């Protein structure tokens, strides 16, 4: 069974399709390219709010250690 994109991945795929359409690609080409990029893990996916919070906490810990 094929893997389904998460909600965040769906958003990134949609944004990539829009960007490709602005570059002059046809709709079907843009969709194929965006999903192929997602399948190959070359589509940039923004971090989730939880990941951002964890990164901020780690930076704060490092900052406090170096203070």
PDB file of N, CA and C in Angstrom:
ATOM      1  N   UNK A   1       0.845  -1.172   0.000  1.00  0.00           N
ATOM      2  CA  UNK A   1       0.000   0.000   0.000  1.00  0.00           C
ATOM      3  C   UNK A   1       0.899   1.246   0.000  1.00  0.00           C
ATOM      4  N   UNK A   2       0.516   2.214  -0.755  1.00  0.00           N
ATOM      5  CA  UNK A   2       1.298   3.447  -0.865  1.00  0.00           C
ATOM      6  C   UNK A   2       1.131   4.315   0.373  1.00  0.00           C
ATOM      7  N   UNK A   3       2.211   4.999   0.715  1.00  0.00           N
ATOM      8  CA  UNK A   3       2.190   5.921   1.857  1.00  0.00           C
ATOM      9  C   UNK A   3       1.371   7.159   1.485  1.00  0.00           C
ATOM     10  N   UNK A   4       0.575   7.638   2.425  1.00  0.00           N
ATOM     11  CA  UNK A   4      -0.213   8.847   2.194  1.00  0.00           C
ATOM     12  C   UNK A   4       0.489  10.031   2.839  1.00  0.00           C
ATOM     13  N   UNK A   5       0.464  11.186   2.169  1.00  0.00           N
ATOM     14  CA  UNK A   5       1.103  12.365   2.774  1.00  0.00           C
ATOM     15  C   UNK A   5       0.325  12.863   3.993  1.00  0.00           C
ATOM     16  N   UNK A   6       1.076  13.356   4.971  1.00  0.00           N
ATOM     17  CA  UNK A   6       0.447  13.956   6.146  1.00  0.00           C
ATOM     18  C   UNK A   6      -0.172  15.292   5.738  1.00  0.00           C
ATOM     19  N   UNK A   7      -0.891  15.903   6.648  1.00  0.00           N
ATOM     20  CA  UNK A   7      -1.523  17.187   6.358  1.00  0.00           C
ATOM     21  C   UNK A   7      -0.464  18.245   6.035  1.00  0.00           C
ATOM     22  N   UNK A   8       0.631  18.236   6.767  1.00  0.00           N
ATOM     23  CA  UNK A   8       1.715  19.181   6.523  1.00  0.00           C
ATOM     24  C   UNK A   8       2.370  18.916   5.169  1.00  0.00           C
ATOM     25  N   UNK A   9       2.552  17.648   4.833  1.00  0.00           N
ATOM     26  CA  UNK A   9       3.124  17.291   3.530  1.00  0.00           C
ATOM     27  C   UNK A   9       2.182  17.679   2.402  1.00  0.00           C
ATOM     28  N   UNK A  10       0.876  17.513   2.611  1.00  0.00           N
ATOM     29  CA  UNK A  10      -0.105  17.926   1.603  1.00  0.00           C
ATOM     30  C   UNK A  10      -0.012  19.425   1.340  1.00  0.00           C
ATOM     31  N   UNK A  11       0.173  20.187   2.406  1.00  0.00           N
ATOM     32  CA  UNK A  11       0.314  21.637   2.273  1.00  0.00           C
ATOM     33  C   UNK A  11       1.556  21.975   1.450  1.00  0.00           C
ATOM     34  N   UNK A  12       2.683  21.299   1.743  1.00  0.00           N
ATOM     35  CA  UNK A  12       3.933  21.550   1.021  1.00  0.00           C
ATOM     36  C   UNK A  12       3.800  21.154  -0.454  1.00  0.00           C
ATOM     37  N   UNK A  13       3.119  20.051  -0.715  1.00  0.00           N
ATOM     38  CA  UNK A  13       2.898  19.611  -2.098  1.00  0.00           C
ATOM     39  C   UNK A  13       2.067  20.645  -2.844  1.00  0.00           C
ATOM     40  N   UNK A  14       1.011  21.130  -2.199  1.00  0.00           N
ATOM     41  CA  UNK A  14       0.147  22.136  -2.808  1.00  0.00           C
ATOM     42  C   UNK A  14       0.924  23.409  -3.143  1.00  0.00           C
ATOM     43  N   UNK A  15       1.761  23.857  -2.204  1.00  0.00           N
ATOM     44  CA  UNK A  15       2.562  25.070  -2.440  1.00  0.00           C
ATOM     45  C   UNK A  15       3.537  24.861  -3.587  1.00  0.00           C
ATOM     46  N   UNK A  16       4.099  23.657  -3.697  1.00  0.00           N
ATOM     47  CA  UNK A  16       5.037  23.360  -4.782  1.00  0.00           C
ATOM     48  C   UNK A  16       4.318  23.363  -6.121  1.00  0.00           C
ATOM     49  N   UNK A  17       3.107  22.835  -6.151  1.00  0.00           N
ATOM     50  CA  UNK A  17       2.322  22.836  -7.394  1.00  0.00           C
ATOM     51  C   UNK A  17       2.067  24.270  -7.841  1.00  0.00           C
ATOM     52  N   UNK A  18       1.697  25.136  -6.915  1.00  0.00           N
ATOM     53  CA  UNK A  18       1.459  26.550  -7.244  1.00  0.00           C
ATOM     54  C   UNK A  18       2.731  27.186  -7.796  1.00  0.00           C
ATOM     55  N   UNK A  19       3.868  26.909  -7.157  1.00  0.00           N
ATOM     56  CA  UNK A  19       5.138  27.482  -7.606  1.00  0.00           C
ATOM     57  C   UNK A  19       5.491  26.994  -9.012  1.00  0.00           C
ATOM     58  N   UNK A  20       5.274  25.716  -9.270  1.00  0.00           N
ATOM     59  CA  UNK A  20       5.582  25.165 -10.593  1.00  0.00           C
ATOM     60  C   UNK A  20       4.656  25.736 -11.664  1.00  0.00           C
ATOM     61  N   UNK A  21       3.388  25.949 -11.302  1.00  0.00           N
ATOM     62  CA  UNK A  21       2.442  26.554 -12.249  1.00  0.00           C
ATOM     63  C   UNK A  21       2.887  27.969 -12.606  1.00  0.00           C
ATOM     64  N   UNK A  22       3.387  28.717 -11.621  1.00  0.00           N
ATOM     65  CA  UNK A  22       3.873  30.074 -11.882  1.00  0.00           C
ATOM     66  C   UNK A  22       5.107  30.057 -12.771  1.00  0.00           C
ATOM     67  N   UNK A  23       5.856  28.954 -12.745  1.00  0.00           N
ATOM     68  CA  UNK A  23       7.031  28.814 -13.604  1.00  0.00           C
ATOM     69  C   UNK A  23       6.643  28.430 -15.028  1.00  0.00           C
ATOM     70  N   UNK A  24       5.353  28.166 -15.246  1.00  0.00           N
ATOM     71  CA  UNK A  24       4.885  27.874 -16.599  1.00  0.00           C
ATOM     72  C   UNK A  24       4.603  26.407 -16.872  1.00  0.00           C
ATOM     73  N   UNK A  25       4.679  25.568 -15.861  1.00  0.00           N
ATOM     74  CA  UNK A  25       4.381  24.144 -16.056  1.00  0.00           C
ATOM     75  C   UNK A  25       2.874  23.950 -16.168  1.00  0.00           C
ATOM     76  N   UNK A  26       2.475  22.946 -16.958  1.00  0.00           N
ATOM     77  CA  UNK A  26       1.055  22.606 -17.038  1.00  0.00           C
ATOM     78  C   UNK A  26       0.623  21.980 -15.712  1.00  0.00           C
ATOM     79  N   UNK A  27      -0.674  21.991 -15.431  1.00  0.00           N
ATOM     80  CA  UNK A  27      -1.200  21.473 -14.166  1.00  0.00           C
ATOM     81  C   UNK A  27      -0.780  20.022 -13.942  1.00  0.00           C
ATOM     82  N   UNK A  28      -0.967  19.172 -14.956  1.00  0.00           N
ATOM     83  CA  UNK A  28      -0.631  17.761 -14.780  1.00  0.00           C
ATOM     84  C   UNK A  28       0.866  17.558 -14.553  1.00  0.00           C
ATOM     85  N   UNK A  29       1.694  18.351 -15.226  1.00  0.00           N
ATOM     86  CA  UNK A  29       3.144  18.275 -15.018  1.00  0.00           C
ATOM     87  C   UNK A  29       3.502  18.699 -13.594  1.00  0.00           C
ATOM     88  N   UNK A  30       2.922  19.802 -13.151  1.00  0.00           N
ATOM     89  CA  UNK A  30       3.220  20.340 -11.830  1.00  0.00           C
ATOM     90  C   UNK A  30       2.844  19.335 -10.735  1.00  0.00           C
ATOM     91  N   UNK A  31       1.692  18.713 -10.872  1.00  0.00           N
ATOM     92  CA  UNK A  31       1.248  17.725  -9.890  1.00  0.00           C
ATOM     93  C   UNK A  31       2.204  16.529  -9.879  1.00  0.00           C
ATOM     94  N   UNK A  32       2.562  16.050 -11.067  1.00  0.00           N
ATOM     95  CA  UNK A  32       3.469  14.900 -11.155  1.00  0.00           C
ATOM     96  C   UNK A  32       4.832  15.224 -10.549  1.00  0.00           C
ATOM     97  N   UNK A  33       5.361  16.388 -10.839  1.00  0.00           N
ATOM     98  CA  UNK A  33       6.666  16.790 -10.307  1.00  0.00           C
ATOM     99  C   UNK A  33       6.612  16.906  -8.788  1.00  0.00           C
ATOM    100  N   UNK A  34       5.578  17.576  -8.271  1.00  0.00           N
ATOM    101  CA  UNK A  34       5.466  17.784  -6.824  1.00  0.00           C
ATOM    102  C   UNK A  34       5.346  16.456  -6.074  1.00  0.00           C
ATOM    103  N   UNK A  35       4.517  15.541  -6.582  1.00  0.00           N
ATOM    104  CA  UNK A  35       4.370  14.257  -5.905  1.00  0.00           C
ATOM    105  C   UNK A  35       5.619  13.398  -6.040  1.00  0.00           C
ATOM    106  N   UNK A  36       6.310  13.508  -7.167  1.00  0.00           N
ATOM    107  CA  UNK A  36       7.559  12.779  -7.335  1.00  0.00           C
ATOM    108  C   UNK A  36       8.606  13.299  -6.351  1.00  0.00           C
ATOM    109  N   UNK A  37       8.673  14.623  -6.182  1.00  0.00           N
ATOM    110  CA  UNK A  37       9.606  15.207  -5.213  1.00  0.00           C
ATOM    111  C   UNK A  37       9.274  14.721  -3.804  1.00  0.00           C
ATOM    112  N   UNK A  38       7.995  14.670  -3.464  1.00  0.00           N
ATOM    113  CA  UNK A  38       7.586  14.191  -2.146  1.00  0.00           C
ATOM    114  C   UNK A  38       7.970  12.720  -1.966  1.00  0.00           C
ATOM    115  N   UNK A  39       7.715  11.915  -2.992  1.00  0.00           N
ATOM    116  CA  UNK A  39       8.025  10.487  -2.919  1.00  0.00           C
ATOM    117  C   UNK A  39       9.516  10.242  -2.736  1.00  0.00           C
ATOM    118  N   UNK A  40      10.353  11.073  -3.359  1.00  0.00           N
ATOM    119  CA  UNK A  40      11.809  10.921  -3.258  1.00  0.00           C
ATOM    120  C   UNK A  40      12.397  11.651  -2.049  1.00  0.00           C
ATOM    121  N   UNK A  41      11.545  12.250  -1.243  1.00  0.00           N
ATOM    122  CA  UNK A  41      11.978  13.014  -0.057  1.00  0.00           C
ATOM    123  C   UNK A  41      12.846  14.210  -0.416  1.00  0.00           C
ATOM    124  N   UNK A  42      12.623  14.822  -1.577  1.00  0.00           N
ATOM    125  CA  UNK A  42      13.384  16.013  -1.944  1.00  0.00           C
ATOM    126  C   UNK A  42      12.526  17.277  -1.869  1.00  0.00           C
ATOM    127  N   UNK A  43      11.291  17.123  -1.416  1.00  0.00           N
ATOM    128  CA  UNK A  43      10.397  18.265  -1.251  1.00  0.00           C
ATOM    129  C   UNK A  43      10.598  18.832   0.147  1.00  0.00           C
ATOM    130  N   UNK A  44      10.967  20.107   0.258  1.00  0.00           N
ATOM    131  CA  UNK A  44      11.177  20.662   1.605  1.00  0.00           C
ATOM    132  C   UNK A  44       9.862  20.737   2.388  1.00  0.00           C
ATOM    133  N   UNK A  45       9.857  20.087   3.537  1.00  0.00           N
ATOM    134  CA  UNK A  45       8.680  20.068   4.413  1.00  0.00           C
ATOM    135  C   UNK A  45       9.011  20.944   5.621  1.00  0.00           C
ATOM    136  N   UNK A  46       8.200  21.962   5.911  1.00  0.00           N
ATOM    137  CA  UNK A  46       8.497  22.810   7.069  1.00  0.00           C
ATOM    138  C   UNK A  46       8.360  22.027   8.365  1.00  0.00           C
ATOM    139  N   UNK A  47       9.104  22.419   9.396  1.00  0.00           N
ATOM    140  CA  UNK A  47       8.998  21.717  10.681  1.00  0.00           C
ATOM    141  C   UNK A  47       7.633  21.949  11.332  1.00  0.00           C
ATOM    142  N   UNK A  48       7.202  20.971  12.113  1.00  0.00           N
ATOM    143  CA  UNK A  48       5.943  21.093  12.835  1.00  0.00           C
ATOM    144  C   UNK A  48       6.146  22.029  14.025  1.00  0.00           C
ATOM    145  N   UNK A  49       5.078  22.573  14.586  1.00  0.00           N
ATOM    146  CA  UNK A  49       5.219  23.422  15.777  1.00  0.00           C
ATOM    147  C   UNK A  49       5.938  22.707  16.928  1.00  0.00           C
ATOM    148  N   UNK A  50       5.700  21.401  17.072  1.00  0.00           N
ATOM    149  CA  UNK A  50       6.374  20.641  18.126  1.00  0.00           C
ATOM    150  C   UNK A  50       7.883  20.590  17.883  1.00  0.00           C
ATOM    151  N   UNK A  51       8.285  20.395  16.619  1.00  0.00           N
ATOM    152  CA  UNK A  51       9.704  20.354  16.287  1.00  0.00           C
ATOM    153  C   UNK A  51      10.359  21.712  16.538  1.00  0.00           C
ATOM    154  N   UNK A  52       9.669  22.776  16.196  1.00  0.00           N
ATOM    155  CA  UNK A  52      10.193  24.126  16.414  1.00  0.00           C
ATOM    156  C   UNK A  52      10.385  24.370  17.907  1.00  0.00           C
ATOM    157  N   UNK A  53       9.387  23.999  18.721  1.00  0.00           N
ATOM    158  CA  UNK A  53       9.455  24.181  20.166  1.00  0.00           C
ATOM    159  C   UNK A  53      10.640  23.399  20.751  1.00  0.00           C
ATOM    160  N   UNK A  54      10.834  22.170  20.286  1.00  0.00           N
ATOM    161  CA  UNK A  54      11.933  21.348  20.779  1.00  0.00           C
ATOM    162  C   UNK A  54      13.280  21.981  20.406  1.00  0.00           C
ATOM    163  N   UNK A  55      13.403  22.486  19.176  1.00  0.00           N
ATOM    164  CA  UNK A  55      14.639  23.139  18.746  1.00  0.00           C
ATOM    165  C   UNK A  55      14.909  24.379  19.592  1.00  0.00           C
ATOM    166  N   UNK A  56      13.878  25.153  19.888  1.00  0.00           N
ATOM    167  CA  UNK A  56      14.041  26.353  20.705  1.00  0.00           C
ATOM    168  C   UNK A  56      14.491  25.992  22.119  1.00  0.00           C
ATOM    169  N   UNK A  57      13.910  24.933  22.670  1.00  0.00           N
ATOM    170  CA  UNK A  57      14.293  24.499  24.010  1.00  0.00           C
ATOM    171  C   UNK A  57      15.753  24.045  24.035  1.00  0.00           C
ATOM    172  N   UNK A  58      16.177  23.326  23.014  1.00  0.00           N
ATOM    173  CA  UNK A  58      17.571  22.874  22.940  1.00  0.00           C
ATOM    174  C   UNK A  58      18.529  24.059  22.838  1.00  0.00           C
ATOM    175  N   UNK A  59      18.179  25.052  22.021  1.00  0.00           N
ATOM    176  CA  UNK A  59      19.019  26.242  21.891  1.00  0.00           C
ATOM    177  C   UNK A  59      19.094  26.998  23.217  1.00  0.00           C
ATOM    178  N   UNK A  60      17.984  27.070  23.928  1.00  0.00           N
ATOM    179  CA  UNK A  60      17.966  27.756  25.216  1.00  0.00           C
ATOM    180  C   UNK A  60      18.854  27.027  26.221  1.00  0.00           C
ATOM    181  N   UNK A  61      18.798  25.690  26.241  1.00  0.00           N
ATOM    182  CA  UNK A  61      19.651  24.905  27.135  1.00  0.00           C
ATOM    183  C   UNK A  61      21.124  25.164  26.819  1.00  0.00           C
ATOM    184  N   UNK A  62      21.478  25.164  25.548  1.00  0.00           N
ATOM    185  CA  UNK A  62      22.866  25.411  25.152  1.00  0.00           C
ATOM    186  C   UNK A  62      23.289  26.822  25.526  1.00  0.00           C
ATOM    187  N   UNK A  63      22.415  27.772  25.337  1.00  0.00           N
ATOM    188  CA  UNK A  63      22.720  29.165  25.668  1.00  0.00           C
ATOM    189  C   UNK A  63      22.982  29.310  27.163  1.00  0.00           C
ATOM    190  N   UNK A  64      22.138  28.667  27.972  1.00  0.00           N
ATOM    191  CA  UNK A  64      22.300  28.748  29.431  1.00  0.00           C
ATOM    192  C   UNK A  64      23.591  28.078  29.881  1.00  0.00           C
ATOM    193  N   UNK A  65      23.992  26.984  29.226  1.00  0.00           N
ATOM    194  CA  UNK A  65      25.241  26.311  29.569  1.00  0.00           C
ATOM    195  C   UNK A  65      26.456  27.175  29.245  1.00  0.00           C
ATOM    196  N   UNK A  66      26.372  27.933  28.166  1.00  0.00           N
ATOM    197  CA  UNK A  66      27.501  28.740  27.702  1.00  0.00           C
ATOM    198  C   UNK A  66      27.529  30.130  28.338  1.00  0.00           C
ATOM    199  N   UNK A  67      26.575  30.438  29.141  1.00  0.00           N
ATOM    200  CA  UNK A  67      26.450  31.773  29.720  1.00  0.00           C
ATOM    201  C   UNK A  67      27.464  32.017  30.795  1.00  0.00           C
TER     202      UNK A  67
END
